[in-house]
Amino acid sequence: MTQLDSVHEHKYPPVGVTVQKLRKQFRLTLNDLAQRAGLSISAVSKIENGQVSPTYDTILRLSVGLGVDVTELFGSTSSKSGAAGRLVVTRGGEGILQRTPHYEYELLGADLASKQFTPLLTRVRAHSIKEFSKIEGHLGEEFFYVLSGEVILHTEHYAPVRLLPGDSSYYDSTMGHALVSASEEDALILWIATRVHGVLVQPSSTG
């Protein structure tokens, strides 16, 4: 059993519920949020109503559109912010779990607000690049380290790269990118993404 198998997945509301709550709290219409996030009104509505599961790229777009840290959309109620000398500990299996069509994330360090990067223990569920309608990019940089299994990193400008346990990659995430498991089993990686500020690179192809 991997660490993700022991995560308490029902402790936090779905992303769509949180998005709708924050949108109404900030007195934004569906159109307001759609324009700010570079998404279609239909896509935002379907996410809020739980009709579709957003990708990480879409979750990032929504966080920028709402002006909140992406961890808030995972259900985090971060309380420690601003002060120097901050420290939090995430015990095994106590991160915040979020599933997307291609990955399953356990958000680590969720109790710390305004972080400069987001650490994610990630199960790579996709097994073929054909599962992605398009590989997308977003502002920032990313790093991942393969813990178990094998993955293939697909990017917009480079040939696919196969990575084994112990291998890692650091890349500019404005470049379209996607990870798939290279075997029948899901792969497990530690994925770290820098915090996203401001407008994203381009409108999402998924609406």
N, C-alpha and C. Protein backbone atom coordinates (compact mmCIF):
# COMPACT_ATOMS: atom_id res chain seq x y z
N MET A 1 0.85 -1.20 0.00
CA MET A 1 0.00 0.00 0.00
C MET A 1 0.88 1.24 0.00
N THR A 2 0.62 2.18 -0.90
CA THR A 2 1.39 3.42 -0.94
C THR A 2 0.80 4.43 0.04
N GLN A 3 1.55 5.50 0.29
CA GLN A 3 1.08 6.52 1.23
C GLN A 3 -0.24 7.11 0.79
N LEU A 4 -0.45 7.28 -0.51
CA LEU A 4 -1.69 7.88 -0.98
C LEU A 4 -2.90 7.02 -0.63
N ASP A 5 -2.70 5.70 -0.52
CA ASP A 5 -3.81 4.82 -0.20
C ASP A 5 -4.38 5.07 1.19
N SER A 6 -3.57 5.67 2.07
CA SER A 6 -4.00 5.88 3.45
C SER A 6 -4.48 7.30 3.72
N VAL A 7 -4.53 8.13 2.69
CA VAL A 7 -4.95 9.52 2.88
C VAL A 7 -6.45 9.59 3.14
N HIS A 8 -6.83 10.50 4.01
CA HIS A 8 -8.25 10.68 4.33
C HIS A 8 -8.92 11.52 3.25
N GLU A 9 -9.52 10.85 2.27
CA GLU A 9 -9.97 11.57 1.08
C GLU A 9 -11.30 12.28 1.25
N HIS A 10 -12.03 12.02 2.30
CA HIS A 10 -13.36 12.62 2.42
C HIS A 10 -13.41 13.76 3.43
N LYS A 11 -12.25 14.25 3.86
CA LYS A 11 -12.22 15.32 4.86
C LYS A 11 -12.54 16.68 4.28
N TYR A 12 -12.37 16.84 2.99
CA TYR A 12 -12.47 18.16 2.39
C TYR A 12 -13.46 18.16 1.23
N PRO A 13 -14.12 19.30 0.97
CA PRO A 13 -15.11 19.37 -0.10
C PRO A 13 -14.46 19.29 -1.47
N PRO A 14 -15.23 18.86 -2.50
CA PRO A 14 -14.71 18.84 -3.87
C PRO A 14 -14.31 20.25 -4.31
N VAL A 15 -13.41 20.32 -5.27
CA VAL A 15 -12.92 21.60 -5.77
C VAL A 15 -14.08 22.50 -6.21
N GLY A 16 -15.04 21.93 -6.92
CA GLY A 16 -16.15 22.73 -7.45
C GLY A 16 -16.94 23.44 -6.36
N VAL A 17 -17.14 22.75 -5.24
CA VAL A 17 -17.88 23.33 -4.12
C VAL A 17 -17.12 24.53 -3.57
N THR A 18 -15.80 24.38 -3.43
CA THR A 18 -14.97 25.47 -2.92
C THR A 18 -14.93 26.64 -3.89
N VAL A 19 -14.82 26.34 -5.19
CA VAL A 19 -14.80 27.39 -6.21
C VAL A 19 -16.08 28.21 -6.15
N GLN A 20 -17.22 27.53 -6.10
CA GLN A 20 -18.49 28.25 -6.06
C GLN A 20 -18.62 29.10 -4.79
N LYS A 21 -18.20 28.54 -3.67
CA LYS A 21 -18.27 29.28 -2.40
C LYS A 21 -17.43 30.55 -2.46
N LEU A 22 -16.20 30.44 -2.97
CA LEU A 22 -15.32 31.60 -3.05
C LEU A 22 -15.81 32.61 -4.08
N ARG A 23 -16.31 32.10 -5.21
CA ARG A 23 -16.83 33.01 -6.25
C ARG A 23 -17.95 33.87 -5.70
N LYS A 24 -18.87 33.25 -4.97
CA LYS A 24 -19.99 33.99 -4.40
C LYS A 24 -19.52 34.91 -3.28
N GLN A 25 -18.54 34.44 -2.52
CA GLN A 25 -17.99 35.27 -1.44
C GLN A 25 -17.36 36.54 -1.99
N PHE A 26 -16.71 36.43 -3.15
CA PHE A 26 -16.07 37.58 -3.79
C PHE A 26 -17.01 38.33 -4.73
N ARG A 27 -18.27 37.89 -4.77
CA ARG A 27 -19.31 38.53 -5.58
C ARG A 27 -18.94 38.58 -7.06
N LEU A 28 -18.47 37.45 -7.55
CA LEU A 28 -18.13 37.31 -8.96
C LEU A 28 -19.20 36.50 -9.67
N THR A 29 -19.52 36.89 -10.88
CA THR A 29 -20.43 36.09 -11.70
C THR A 29 -19.63 34.96 -12.35
N LEU A 30 -20.34 34.00 -12.93
CA LEU A 30 -19.66 32.94 -13.67
C LEU A 30 -18.82 33.53 -14.79
N ASN A 31 -19.36 34.55 -15.44
CA ASN A 31 -18.64 35.20 -16.54
C ASN A 31 -17.38 35.91 -16.03
N ASP A 32 -17.49 36.56 -14.87
CA ASP A 32 -16.32 37.24 -14.29
C ASP A 32 -15.18 36.24 -14.07
N LEU A 33 -15.51 35.13 -13.41
CA LEU A 33 -14.48 34.14 -13.10
C LEU A 33 -13.94 33.48 -14.36
N ALA A 34 -14.83 33.19 -15.30
CA ALA A 34 -14.39 32.56 -16.55
C ALA A 34 -13.38 33.44 -17.27
N GLN A 35 -13.66 34.74 -17.34
CA GLN A 35 -12.74 35.65 -18.03
C GLN A 35 -11.41 35.77 -17.30
N ARG A 36 -11.45 35.83 -15.98
CA ARG A 36 -10.22 35.96 -15.20
C ARG A 36 -9.36 34.70 -15.29
N ALA A 37 -10.02 33.54 -15.41
CA ALA A 37 -9.30 32.27 -15.40
C ALA A 37 -8.95 31.77 -16.80
N GLY A 38 -9.47 32.43 -17.83
CA GLY A 38 -9.21 31.97 -19.18
C GLY A 38 -9.95 30.70 -19.51
N LEU A 39 -11.15 30.54 -18.93
CA LEU A 39 -11.99 29.37 -19.15
C LEU A 39 -13.33 29.80 -19.72
N SER A 40 -14.09 28.85 -20.21
CA SER A 40 -15.43 29.17 -20.69
C SER A 40 -16.40 29.18 -19.51
N ILE A 41 -17.51 29.89 -19.66
CA ILE A 41 -18.54 29.91 -18.62
C ILE A 41 -19.05 28.50 -18.38
N SER A 42 -19.23 27.75 -19.45
CA SER A 42 -19.72 26.37 -19.35
C SER A 42 -18.78 25.51 -18.52
N ALA A 43 -17.48 25.67 -18.73
CA ALA A 43 -16.50 24.86 -17.98
C ALA A 43 -16.56 25.17 -16.49
N VAL A 44 -16.63 26.47 -16.15
CA VAL A 44 -16.69 26.86 -14.74
C VAL A 44 -17.96 26.31 -14.10
N SER A 45 -19.08 26.42 -14.80
CA SER A 45 -20.36 25.93 -14.28
C SER A 45 -20.32 24.43 -14.04
N LYS A 46 -19.76 23.68 -14.99
CA LYS A 46 -19.68 22.22 -14.84
C LYS A 46 -18.78 21.82 -13.69
N ILE A 47 -17.70 22.56 -13.48
CA ILE A 47 -16.80 22.28 -12.36
C ILE A 47 -17.52 22.53 -11.04
N GLU A 48 -18.21 23.67 -10.95
CA GLU A 48 -18.92 24.00 -9.71
C GLU A 48 -20.00 22.98 -9.38
N ASN A 49 -20.63 22.44 -10.41
CA ASN A 49 -21.72 21.48 -10.21
C ASN A 49 -21.25 20.03 -10.14
N GLY A 50 -19.93 19.83 -10.18
CA GLY A 50 -19.40 18.49 -10.07
C GLY A 50 -19.59 17.62 -11.29
N GLN A 51 -19.87 18.24 -12.44
CA GLN A 51 -20.10 17.47 -13.67
C GLN A 51 -18.81 17.07 -14.35
N VAL A 52 -17.72 17.80 -14.09
CA VAL A 52 -16.41 17.45 -14.62
C VAL A 52 -15.37 17.59 -13.52
N SER A 53 -14.30 16.82 -13.64
CA SER A 53 -13.19 16.90 -12.69
C SER A 53 -12.09 17.74 -13.32
N PRO A 54 -11.73 18.88 -12.72
CA PRO A 54 -10.74 19.77 -13.35
C PRO A 54 -9.33 19.21 -13.29
N THR A 55 -8.54 19.52 -14.31
CA THR A 55 -7.12 19.17 -14.30
C THR A 55 -6.38 20.13 -13.38
N TYR A 56 -5.12 19.82 -13.08
CA TYR A 56 -4.33 20.71 -12.22
C TYR A 56 -4.17 22.07 -12.88
N ASP A 57 -3.98 22.08 -14.20
CA ASP A 57 -3.86 23.34 -14.93
C ASP A 57 -5.11 24.19 -14.73
N THR A 58 -6.28 23.56 -14.80
CA THR A 58 -7.54 24.29 -14.63
C THR A 58 -7.69 24.78 -13.20
N ILE A 59 -7.28 23.96 -12.23
CA ILE A 59 -7.34 24.38 -10.83
C ILE A 59 -6.45 25.60 -10.61
N LEU A 60 -5.27 25.61 -11.23
CA LEU A 60 -4.39 26.77 -11.14
C LEU A 60 -5.05 28.01 -11.73
N ARG A 61 -5.68 27.84 -12.88
CA ARG A 61 -6.36 28.97 -13.53
C ARG A 61 -7.45 29.54 -12.63
N LEU A 62 -8.21 28.65 -12.01
CA LEU A 62 -9.29 29.09 -11.13
C LEU A 62 -8.73 29.81 -9.90
N SER A 63 -7.61 29.33 -9.37
CA SER A 63 -7.02 30.00 -8.21
C SER A 63 -6.56 31.41 -8.56
N VAL A 64 -5.99 31.57 -9.76
CA VAL A 64 -5.58 32.90 -10.22
C VAL A 64 -6.81 33.78 -10.44
N GLY A 65 -7.84 33.22 -11.05
CA GLY A 65 -9.07 33.97 -11.30
C GLY A 65 -9.73 34.45 -10.02
N LEU A 66 -9.62 33.64 -8.97
CA LEU A 66 -10.22 33.99 -7.68
C LEU A 66 -9.27 34.80 -6.80
N GLY A 67 -7.99 34.83 -7.19
CA GLY A 67 -7.01 35.56 -6.39
C GLY A 67 -6.67 34.89 -5.08
N VAL A 68 -6.69 33.54 -5.08
CA VAL A 68 -6.36 32.80 -3.86
C VAL A 68 -5.23 31.82 -4.15
N ASP A 69 -4.61 31.33 -3.09
CA ASP A 69 -3.59 30.30 -3.23
C ASP A 69 -4.26 29.02 -3.72
N VAL A 70 -3.57 28.28 -4.59
CA VAL A 70 -4.15 27.06 -5.15
C VAL A 70 -4.51 26.07 -4.06
N THR A 71 -3.81 26.09 -2.93
CA THR A 71 -4.10 25.15 -1.85
C THR A 71 -5.51 25.34 -1.28
N GLU A 72 -6.05 26.56 -1.39
CA GLU A 72 -7.40 26.81 -0.90
C GLU A 72 -8.44 26.03 -1.70
N LEU A 73 -8.15 25.80 -2.97
CA LEU A 73 -9.10 25.05 -3.80
C LEU A 73 -9.02 23.55 -3.53
N PHE A 74 -7.94 23.12 -2.91
CA PHE A 74 -7.83 21.72 -2.49
C PHE A 74 -8.57 21.50 -1.18
N GLY A 75 -9.01 22.58 -0.56
CA GLY A 75 -9.74 22.46 0.69
C GLY A 75 -8.94 22.87 1.91
N SER A 76 -7.74 23.41 1.69
CA SER A 76 -6.89 23.80 2.81
C SER A 76 -7.45 25.01 3.53
N THR A 77 -7.33 24.99 4.85
CA THR A 77 -7.68 26.17 5.65
C THR A 77 -6.39 26.69 6.27
N SER A 78 -5.45 27.06 5.42
CA SER A 78 -4.12 27.50 5.85
C SER A 78 -4.24 28.61 6.88
N SER A 79 -3.44 28.49 7.94
CA SER A 79 -3.54 29.49 9.00
C SER A 79 -2.23 30.22 9.27
N LYS A 80 -1.11 29.60 8.91
CA LYS A 80 0.18 30.22 9.22
C LYS A 80 0.69 30.97 8.00
N SER A 81 0.75 32.28 8.11
CA SER A 81 1.21 33.08 6.97
C SER A 81 1.97 34.29 7.46
N GLY A 82 2.87 34.77 6.61
CA GLY A 82 3.51 36.04 6.89
C GLY A 82 4.70 35.99 7.83
N ALA A 83 4.53 35.44 9.00
CA ALA A 83 5.57 35.51 10.02
C ALA A 83 6.80 34.70 9.62
N ALA A 84 7.96 35.19 10.07
CA ALA A 84 9.20 34.46 9.81
C ALA A 84 9.28 33.23 10.70
N GLY A 85 10.14 32.29 10.32
CA GLY A 85 10.33 31.10 11.14
C GLY A 85 9.15 30.16 11.14
N ARG A 86 8.43 30.08 10.02
CA ARG A 86 7.25 29.22 9.96
C ARG A 86 7.67 27.76 9.80
N LEU A 87 6.87 26.85 10.34
CA LEU A 87 7.14 25.43 10.20
C LEU A 87 5.85 24.65 10.35
N VAL A 88 5.63 23.69 9.48
CA VAL A 88 4.51 22.76 9.62
C VAL A 88 5.02 21.36 9.33
N VAL A 89 4.35 20.37 9.89
CA VAL A 89 4.67 18.97 9.65
C VAL A 89 3.42 18.28 9.13
N THR A 90 3.55 17.53 8.03
CA THR A 90 2.44 16.73 7.51
C THR A 90 2.77 15.27 7.76
N ARG A 91 2.02 14.62 8.62
CA ARG A 91 2.24 13.21 8.91
C ARG A 91 1.80 12.35 7.73
N GLY A 92 2.37 11.15 7.64
CA GLY A 92 2.02 10.25 6.55
C GLY A 92 0.53 9.99 6.49
N GLY A 93 -0.06 10.19 5.32
CA GLY A 93 -1.48 9.94 5.13
C GLY A 93 -2.39 11.06 5.58
N GLU A 94 -1.82 12.20 6.02
CA GLU A 94 -2.64 13.29 6.53
C GLU A 94 -2.68 14.50 5.60
N GLY A 95 -2.19 14.35 4.37
CA GLY A 95 -2.29 15.44 3.41
C GLY A 95 -3.71 15.53 2.85
N ILE A 96 -3.93 16.53 2.03
CA ILE A 96 -5.24 16.72 1.40
C ILE A 96 -5.23 16.02 0.04
N LEU A 97 -6.19 15.14 -0.17
CA LEU A 97 -6.25 14.36 -1.41
C LEU A 97 -7.15 15.02 -2.43
N GLN A 98 -6.69 15.07 -3.67
CA GLN A 98 -7.50 15.59 -4.77
C GLN A 98 -7.22 14.75 -6.01
N ARG A 99 -8.29 14.28 -6.65
CA ARG A 99 -8.14 13.50 -7.87
C ARG A 99 -8.49 14.34 -9.08
N THR A 100 -7.73 14.18 -10.13
CA THR A 100 -8.03 14.77 -11.43
C THR A 100 -8.07 13.62 -12.43
N PRO A 101 -8.47 13.88 -13.68
CA PRO A 101 -8.57 12.77 -14.63
C PRO A 101 -7.28 11.98 -14.82
N HIS A 102 -6.12 12.61 -14.63
CA HIS A 102 -4.86 11.95 -14.95
C HIS A 102 -3.95 11.70 -13.75
N TYR A 103 -4.22 12.39 -12.65
CA TYR A 103 -3.34 12.28 -11.49
C TYR A 103 -4.17 12.24 -10.20
N GLU A 104 -3.51 11.77 -9.15
CA GLU A 104 -4.09 11.82 -7.81
C GLU A 104 -3.05 12.48 -6.92
N TYR A 105 -3.42 13.60 -6.32
CA TYR A 105 -2.47 14.39 -5.55
C TYR A 105 -2.74 14.29 -4.05
N GLU A 106 -1.66 14.26 -3.28
CA GLU A 106 -1.76 14.49 -1.85
C GLU A 106 -1.00 15.78 -1.57
N LEU A 107 -1.73 16.82 -1.22
CA LEU A 107 -1.14 18.13 -0.95
C LEU A 107 -0.45 18.09 0.41
N LEU A 108 0.84 18.42 0.42
CA LEU A 108 1.63 18.41 1.65
C LEU A 108 1.86 19.85 2.13
N GLY A 109 2.04 20.02 3.43
CA GLY A 109 2.27 21.36 3.97
C GLY A 109 1.08 22.27 3.81
N ALA A 110 -0.12 21.71 3.81
CA ALA A 110 -1.32 22.49 3.51
C ALA A 110 -1.65 23.53 4.57
N ASP A 111 -1.13 23.35 5.79
CA ASP A 111 -1.44 24.30 6.86
C ASP A 111 -0.67 25.61 6.75
N LEU A 112 0.25 25.67 5.79
CA LEU A 112 1.07 26.87 5.63
C LEU A 112 0.55 27.69 4.46
N ALA A 113 0.13 28.92 4.72
CA ALA A 113 -0.41 29.79 3.67
C ALA A 113 0.72 30.56 2.99
N SER A 114 0.44 31.03 1.77
CA SER A 114 1.36 31.89 1.02
C SER A 114 2.73 31.26 0.82
N LYS A 115 2.74 29.97 0.52
CA LYS A 115 4.01 29.28 0.23
C LYS A 115 4.53 29.71 -1.13
N GLN A 116 5.85 29.61 -1.32
CA GLN A 116 6.45 29.94 -2.60
C GLN A 116 6.42 28.76 -3.57
N PHE A 117 6.15 27.57 -3.06
CA PHE A 117 5.98 26.41 -3.93
C PHE A 117 4.99 25.44 -3.28
N THR A 118 4.44 24.56 -4.10
CA THR A 118 3.44 23.60 -3.64
C THR A 118 3.98 22.18 -3.79
N PRO A 119 4.17 21.46 -2.68
CA PRO A 119 4.64 20.08 -2.76
C PRO A 119 3.47 19.10 -2.84
N LEU A 120 3.55 18.17 -3.78
CA LEU A 120 2.46 17.23 -4.03
C LEU A 120 3.01 15.81 -4.16
N LEU A 121 2.56 14.90 -3.31
CA LEU A 121 2.83 13.49 -3.53
C LEU A 121 1.81 13.03 -4.55
N THR A 122 2.27 12.55 -5.68
CA THR A 122 1.38 12.37 -6.83
C THR A 122 1.42 10.96 -7.39
N ARG A 123 0.24 10.38 -7.54
CA ARG A 123 0.11 9.12 -8.27
C ARG A 123 -0.21 9.45 -9.72
N VAL A 124 0.60 8.96 -10.64
CA VAL A 124 0.38 9.18 -12.07
C VAL A 124 -0.57 8.09 -12.56
N ARG A 125 -1.81 8.47 -12.85
CA ARG A 125 -2.85 7.52 -13.23
C ARG A 125 -2.95 7.34 -14.73
N ALA A 126 -2.53 8.34 -15.49
CA ALA A 126 -2.59 8.24 -16.96
C ALA A 126 -1.52 7.26 -17.44
N HIS A 127 -1.86 6.48 -18.46
CA HIS A 127 -0.92 5.48 -18.98
C HIS A 127 -0.64 5.68 -20.47
N SER A 128 -1.23 6.70 -21.05
CA SER A 128 -0.98 7.00 -22.46
C SER A 128 -1.18 8.48 -22.69
N ILE A 129 -0.34 9.07 -23.53
CA ILE A 129 -0.49 10.49 -23.85
C ILE A 129 -1.79 10.74 -24.59
N LYS A 130 -2.37 9.70 -25.17
CA LYS A 130 -3.64 9.83 -25.88
C LYS A 130 -4.79 10.15 -24.93
N GLU A 131 -4.58 9.96 -23.63
CA GLU A 131 -5.61 10.29 -22.65
C GLU A 131 -5.75 11.81 -22.47
N PHE A 132 -4.79 12.57 -22.96
CA PHE A 132 -4.82 14.03 -22.86
C PHE A 132 -5.31 14.62 -24.18
N SER A 133 -6.32 15.47 -24.13
CA SER A 133 -6.78 16.13 -25.35
C SER A 133 -5.71 17.10 -25.84
N LYS A 134 -4.95 17.66 -24.89
CA LYS A 134 -3.85 18.57 -25.21
C LYS A 134 -2.95 18.67 -23.99
N ILE A 135 -1.63 18.74 -24.20
CA ILE A 135 -0.76 18.99 -23.05
C ILE A 135 -0.66 20.50 -22.87
N GLU A 136 -0.91 20.94 -21.65
CA GLU A 136 -1.02 22.37 -21.38
C GLU A 136 0.10 22.87 -20.49
N GLY A 137 0.35 24.17 -20.57
CA GLY A 137 1.34 24.82 -19.73
C GLY A 137 0.71 25.91 -18.89
N HIS A 138 1.46 26.38 -17.92
CA HIS A 138 1.00 27.47 -17.05
C HIS A 138 2.24 28.16 -16.50
N LEU A 139 2.06 29.35 -15.97
CA LEU A 139 3.19 30.09 -15.42
C LEU A 139 3.88 29.30 -14.30
N GLY A 140 5.19 29.49 -14.19
CA GLY A 140 5.91 28.86 -13.10
C GLY A 140 6.95 27.86 -13.55
N GLU A 141 7.51 27.15 -12.59
CA GLU A 141 8.48 26.09 -12.84
C GLU A 141 8.08 24.89 -12.00
N GLU A 142 8.50 23.70 -12.44
CA GLU A 142 8.15 22.48 -11.72
C GLU A 142 9.34 21.54 -11.62
N PHE A 143 9.30 20.71 -10.59
CA PHE A 143 10.31 19.68 -10.38
C PHE A 143 9.58 18.42 -9.92
N PHE A 144 10.02 17.26 -10.39
CA PHE A 144 9.49 16.02 -9.82
C PHE A 144 10.59 14.99 -9.68
N TYR A 145 10.38 14.09 -8.72
CA TYR A 145 11.33 13.01 -8.41
C TYR A 145 10.54 11.71 -8.41
N VAL A 146 11.00 10.72 -9.16
CA VAL A 146 10.27 9.45 -9.27
C VAL A 146 10.56 8.58 -8.05
N LEU A 147 9.51 8.25 -7.30
CA LEU A 147 9.63 7.41 -6.11
C LEU A 147 9.47 5.94 -6.44
N SER A 148 8.49 5.60 -7.27
CA SER A 148 8.27 4.21 -7.67
C SER A 148 7.60 4.18 -9.04
N GLY A 149 7.81 3.07 -9.75
CA GLY A 149 7.28 2.96 -11.10
C GLY A 149 8.16 3.70 -12.09
N GLU A 150 7.68 3.83 -13.30
CA GLU A 150 8.39 4.54 -14.35
C GLU A 150 7.43 5.53 -15.01
N VAL A 151 7.94 6.69 -15.39
CA VAL A 151 7.10 7.69 -16.04
C VAL A 151 7.74 8.15 -17.34
N ILE A 152 6.90 8.66 -18.22
CA ILE A 152 7.38 9.30 -19.44
C ILE A 152 6.93 10.76 -19.39
N LEU A 153 7.89 11.67 -19.49
CA LEU A 153 7.60 13.10 -19.49
C LEU A 153 7.45 13.57 -20.93
N HIS A 154 6.25 14.05 -21.25
CA HIS A 154 5.98 14.61 -22.57
C HIS A 154 5.98 16.13 -22.44
N THR A 155 6.69 16.82 -23.33
CA THR A 155 6.72 18.27 -23.30
C THR A 155 6.51 18.83 -24.70
N GLU A 156 6.22 20.11 -24.72
CA GLU A 156 5.90 20.79 -25.97
C GLU A 156 7.09 20.90 -26.92
N HIS A 157 8.30 21.02 -26.38
CA HIS A 157 9.46 21.32 -27.22
C HIS A 157 10.52 20.22 -27.28
N TYR A 158 10.33 19.15 -26.50
CA TYR A 158 11.36 18.10 -26.45
C TYR A 158 10.76 16.73 -26.72
N ALA A 159 11.61 15.79 -27.09
CA ALA A 159 11.17 14.41 -27.28
C ALA A 159 10.80 13.82 -25.92
N PRO A 160 9.87 12.86 -25.88
CA PRO A 160 9.50 12.23 -24.61
C PRO A 160 10.71 11.63 -23.90
N VAL A 161 10.72 11.74 -22.57
CA VAL A 161 11.83 11.24 -21.76
C VAL A 161 11.30 10.23 -20.76
N ARG A 162 11.93 9.06 -20.69
CA ARG A 162 11.55 8.03 -19.73
C ARG A 162 12.38 8.19 -18.46
N LEU A 163 11.72 8.18 -17.31
CA LEU A 163 12.42 8.35 -16.03
C LEU A 163 12.10 7.18 -15.11
N LEU A 164 13.12 6.69 -14.42
CA LEU A 164 13.03 5.54 -13.52
C LEU A 164 13.11 6.01 -12.07
N PRO A 165 12.84 5.13 -11.10
CA PRO A 165 12.96 5.52 -9.69
C PRO A 165 14.33 6.12 -9.39
N GLY A 166 14.34 7.26 -8.73
CA GLY A 166 15.58 7.98 -8.45
C GLY A 166 15.88 9.07 -9.46
N ASP A 167 15.23 9.03 -10.62
CA ASP A 167 15.41 10.07 -11.63
C ASP A 167 14.54 11.28 -11.28
N SER A 168 14.92 12.43 -11.82
CA SER A 168 14.14 13.65 -11.56
C SER A 168 14.23 14.58 -12.76
N SER A 169 13.36 15.58 -12.78
CA SER A 169 13.37 16.57 -13.86
C SER A 169 12.90 17.91 -13.33
N TYR A 170 13.52 18.97 -13.81
CA TYR A 170 13.14 20.35 -13.48
C TYR A 170 12.90 21.06 -14.81
N TYR A 171 11.77 21.75 -14.94
CA TYR A 171 11.44 22.35 -16.23
C TYR A 171 10.58 23.60 -16.08
N ASP A 172 10.58 24.38 -17.12
CA ASP A 172 9.76 25.58 -17.24
C ASP A 172 8.34 25.13 -17.56
N SER A 173 7.40 25.38 -16.65
CA SER A 173 6.06 24.85 -16.84
C SER A 173 5.18 25.71 -17.75
N THR A 174 5.75 26.82 -18.30
CA THR A 174 4.99 27.52 -19.35
C THR A 174 4.93 26.66 -20.61
N MET A 175 5.87 25.73 -20.71
CA MET A 175 5.89 24.77 -21.81
C MET A 175 4.85 23.69 -21.52
N GLY A 176 4.06 23.35 -22.53
CA GLY A 176 3.09 22.28 -22.35
C GLY A 176 3.78 21.02 -21.84
N HIS A 177 3.16 20.33 -20.85
CA HIS A 177 3.80 19.16 -20.26
C HIS A 177 2.76 18.20 -19.72
N ALA A 178 3.12 16.93 -19.70
CA ALA A 178 2.25 15.89 -19.15
C ALA A 178 3.09 14.69 -18.78
N LEU A 179 2.67 13.98 -17.75
CA LEU A 179 3.34 12.77 -17.31
C LEU A 179 2.41 11.58 -17.45
N VAL A 180 2.95 10.46 -17.92
CA VAL A 180 2.18 9.22 -17.98
C VAL A 180 3.02 8.10 -17.37
N SER A 181 2.34 7.13 -16.78
CA SER A 181 3.03 5.96 -16.27
C SER A 181 3.48 5.11 -17.45
N ALA A 182 4.70 4.57 -17.36
CA ALA A 182 5.26 3.80 -18.47
C ALA A 182 4.98 2.30 -18.34
N SER A 183 4.24 1.90 -17.32
CA SER A 183 3.91 0.49 -17.14
C SER A 183 2.43 0.34 -16.82
N GLU A 184 1.99 -0.89 -16.57
CA GLU A 184 0.58 -1.12 -16.25
C GLU A 184 0.22 -0.58 -14.87
N GLU A 185 1.22 -0.43 -14.02
CA GLU A 185 0.99 0.08 -12.67
C GLU A 185 1.09 1.60 -12.65
N ASP A 186 0.37 2.24 -11.73
CA ASP A 186 0.51 3.67 -11.54
C ASP A 186 1.90 3.97 -10.97
N ALA A 187 2.45 5.10 -11.32
CA ALA A 187 3.74 5.53 -10.78
C ALA A 187 3.51 6.52 -9.64
N LEU A 188 4.49 6.66 -8.76
CA LEU A 188 4.40 7.59 -7.64
C LEU A 188 5.58 8.55 -7.69
N ILE A 189 5.28 9.84 -7.64
CA ILE A 189 6.33 10.86 -7.72
C ILE A 189 6.11 11.93 -6.65
N LEU A 190 7.18 12.63 -6.31
CA LEU A 190 7.06 13.86 -5.52
C LEU A 190 7.14 15.00 -6.52
N TRP A 191 6.09 15.80 -6.60
CA TRP A 191 5.97 16.85 -7.61
C TRP A 191 5.94 18.20 -6.89
N ILE A 192 6.78 19.12 -7.30
CA ILE A 192 6.85 20.44 -6.66
C ILE A 192 6.63 21.52 -7.71
N ALA A 193 5.66 22.39 -7.47
CA ALA A 193 5.34 23.46 -8.42
C ALA A 193 5.48 24.81 -7.73
N THR A 194 6.08 25.77 -8.42
CA THR A 194 6.18 27.11 -7.86
C THR A 194 4.80 27.76 -7.83
N ARG A 195 4.63 28.67 -6.92
CA ARG A 195 3.36 29.36 -6.79
C ARG A 195 3.10 30.21 -8.03
N VAL A 196 1.86 30.21 -8.50
CA VAL A 196 1.49 30.95 -9.70
C VAL A 196 0.91 32.30 -9.32
N HIS A 197 1.42 33.35 -9.94
CA HIS A 197 0.91 34.71 -9.73
C HIS A 197 0.45 35.27 -11.07
N GLY A 198 -0.63 36.02 -11.07
CA GLY A 198 -1.01 36.76 -12.27
C GLY A 198 -1.66 35.92 -13.35
N VAL A 199 -1.63 36.46 -14.56
CA VAL A 199 -2.34 35.88 -15.69
C VAL A 199 -1.58 34.68 -16.23
N LEU A 200 -2.30 33.65 -16.61
CA LEU A 200 -1.68 32.46 -17.16
C LEU A 200 -1.33 32.64 -18.62
N VAL A 201 -0.60 31.68 -19.13
CA VAL A 201 0.00 31.83 -20.45
C VAL A 201 -1.00 31.98 -21.58
N GLN A 202 -1.97 31.09 -21.65
CA GLN A 202 -2.92 31.15 -22.75
C GLN A 202 -4.25 30.57 -22.28
N PRO A 203 -5.35 30.92 -22.97
CA PRO A 203 -6.63 30.33 -22.60
C PRO A 203 -6.58 28.82 -22.69
N SER A 204 -7.32 28.17 -21.81
CA SER A 204 -7.33 26.71 -21.80
C SER A 204 -8.09 26.16 -22.99
N SER A 205 -7.55 25.09 -23.58
CA SER A 205 -8.22 24.46 -24.71
C SER A 205 -9.42 23.66 -24.26
N THR A 206 -9.49 23.37 -22.94
CA THR A 206 -10.59 22.58 -22.42
C THR A 206 -11.78 23.47 -22.06
N GLY A 207 -11.66 24.76 -22.32
CA GLY A 207 -12.75 25.67 -21.99
C GLY A 207 -12.54 26.28 -20.68
